[in-house]
Amino acid sequence: MSRTFEQYEAKFKALADRKRLQIMYELTQRGKVCVCDLAEVMDMAQSKLSYHLKILLDANLIQKETDGTWNYYQLNETQINHLLSEELCCVFRSSNTCC
């Protein structure tokens, strides 16, 4: 259970930042996005954006695909759906009626 708590802690820490939420929103709207285009949309230096993307990647909330020298990012919809579903709630329910 400790590992599960660590994973959720990383996810919620990643979500607890306005810039990262904005990044995730842009990925939701645009699908797979090149880091160069995302930097422009976010009006953020690529180094600062990379910092936030790393946190989201480490939390497994986004996915990265490399094509040549460019990195493309998209939401990890499976992980997002887990956070928006009853999965986390099941950790705190006393009955075994879910999941």
Protein backbone atom coordinates (compact mmCIF):
# COMPACT_ATOMS: atom_id res chain seq x y z
CA MET A 1 0.00 0.00 0.00
CA SER A 2 2.93 2.32 0.65
CA ARG A 3 3.93 2.26 -3.04
CA THR A 4 0.36 3.08 -4.06
CA PHE A 5 0.33 6.07 -1.72
CA GLU A 6 3.68 7.26 -3.15
CA GLN A 7 2.30 7.11 -6.69
CA TYR A 8 -0.81 9.09 -5.79
CA GLU A 9 1.26 11.59 -3.85
CA ALA A 10 3.40 12.25 -6.95
CA LYS A 11 0.30 12.63 -9.12
CA PHE A 12 -1.42 15.06 -6.77
CA LYS A 13 1.77 17.08 -6.26
CA ALA A 14 2.10 17.34 -10.03
CA LEU A 15 -1.50 18.51 -10.28
CA ALA A 16 -1.08 21.08 -7.50
CA ASP A 17 0.45 23.67 -9.80
CA ARG A 18 -1.44 26.10 -12.04
CA LYS A 19 1.15 26.01 -14.86
CA ARG A 20 1.08 22.21 -14.99
CA LEU A 21 -2.71 22.26 -15.05
CA GLN A 22 -2.53 24.72 -17.95
CA ILE A 23 -0.08 22.43 -19.75
CA MET A 24 -2.43 19.50 -19.30
CA TYR A 25 -5.34 21.59 -20.54
CA GLU A 26 -3.43 22.53 -23.69
CA LEU A 27 -2.56 18.88 -24.28
CA THR A 28 -6.25 18.02 -23.87
CA GLN A 29 -7.19 20.63 -26.47
CA ARG A 30 -4.39 19.93 -28.96
CA GLY A 31 -3.59 16.22 -28.59
CA LYS A 32 0.04 15.36 -29.27
CA VAL A 33 2.09 18.57 -29.20
CA CYS A 34 5.72 19.34 -29.98
CA VAL A 35 7.56 20.92 -27.09
CA CYS A 36 8.50 23.86 -29.35
CA ASP A 37 4.83 24.59 -30.09
CA LEU A 38 3.84 24.08 -26.47
CA ALA A 39 6.47 26.60 -25.34
CA GLU A 40 4.96 29.17 -27.68
CA VAL A 41 1.38 28.46 -26.59
CA MET A 42 2.33 28.60 -22.93
CA ASP A 43 4.49 31.70 -23.47
CA MET A 44 7.19 30.01 -21.44
CA ALA A 45 10.90 29.44 -21.96
CA GLN A 46 11.59 25.90 -23.10
CA SER A 47 13.82 25.26 -20.06
CA LYS A 48 11.02 26.26 -17.65
CA LEU A 49 8.50 24.21 -19.63
CA SER A 50 10.81 21.19 -19.56
CA TYR A 51 10.92 21.44 -15.75
CA HIS A 52 7.12 21.20 -15.55
CA LEU A 53 6.92 18.48 -18.21
CA LYS A 54 9.42 16.36 -16.26
CA ILE A 55 7.25 16.53 -13.15
CA LEU A 56 4.18 15.51 -15.17
CA LEU A 57 6.15 12.71 -16.82
CA ASP A 58 7.48 11.43 -13.49
CA ALA A 59 3.89 11.35 -12.20
CA ASN A 60 2.91 9.40 -15.33
CA LEU A 61 0.25 11.99 -16.20
CA ILE A 62 1.68 12.67 -19.65
CA GLN A 63 3.58 10.64 -22.22
CA LYS A 64 6.55 11.62 -24.36
CA GLU A 65 7.38 10.48 -27.87
CA THR A 66 10.68 11.41 -29.49
CA ASP A 67 10.90 11.94 -33.24
CA GLY A 68 14.40 12.91 -34.29
CA THR A 69 15.40 15.88 -32.17
CA TRP A 70 11.86 16.84 -31.18
CA ASN A 71 9.80 15.63 -28.24
CA TYR A 72 6.05 15.37 -28.50
CA TYR A 73 3.81 15.24 -25.44
CA GLN A 74 0.29 14.04 -24.87
CA LEU A 75 -1.90 13.23 -21.89
CA ASN A 76 -1.73 9.76 -20.46
CA GLU A 77 -5.47 9.29 -20.66
CA THR A 78 -5.40 5.99 -18.78
CA GLN A 79 -3.82 7.64 -15.74
CA ILE A 80 -6.08 10.67 -15.96
CA ASN A 81 -9.12 8.41 -16.10
CA HIS A 82 -7.89 6.55 -13.00
CA LEU A 83 -7.72 9.80 -11.08
CA LEU A 84 -11.18 10.79 -12.25
CA SER A 85 -12.72 7.43 -11.48
CA GLU A 86 -13.59 5.52 -8.34
CA GLU A 87 -10.20 3.81 -8.22
CA LEU A 88 -8.74 6.18 -5.63
CA CYS A 89 -11.99 6.20 -3.68
CA CYS A 90 -11.74 2.43 -3.35
CA VAL A 91 -8.54 2.80 -1.34
CA PHE A 92 -10.55 4.55 1.37
CA ARG A 93 -13.75 2.48 1.37
CA SER A 94 -14.18 -0.15 4.04
CA SER A 95 -16.25 -2.51 1.85
CA ASN A 96 -15.04 -4.46 -1.15
CA THR A 97 -17.89 -3.29 -3.38
CA CYS A 98 -15.86 -1.30 -5.90
CA CYS A 99 -13.07 -1.73 -8.41
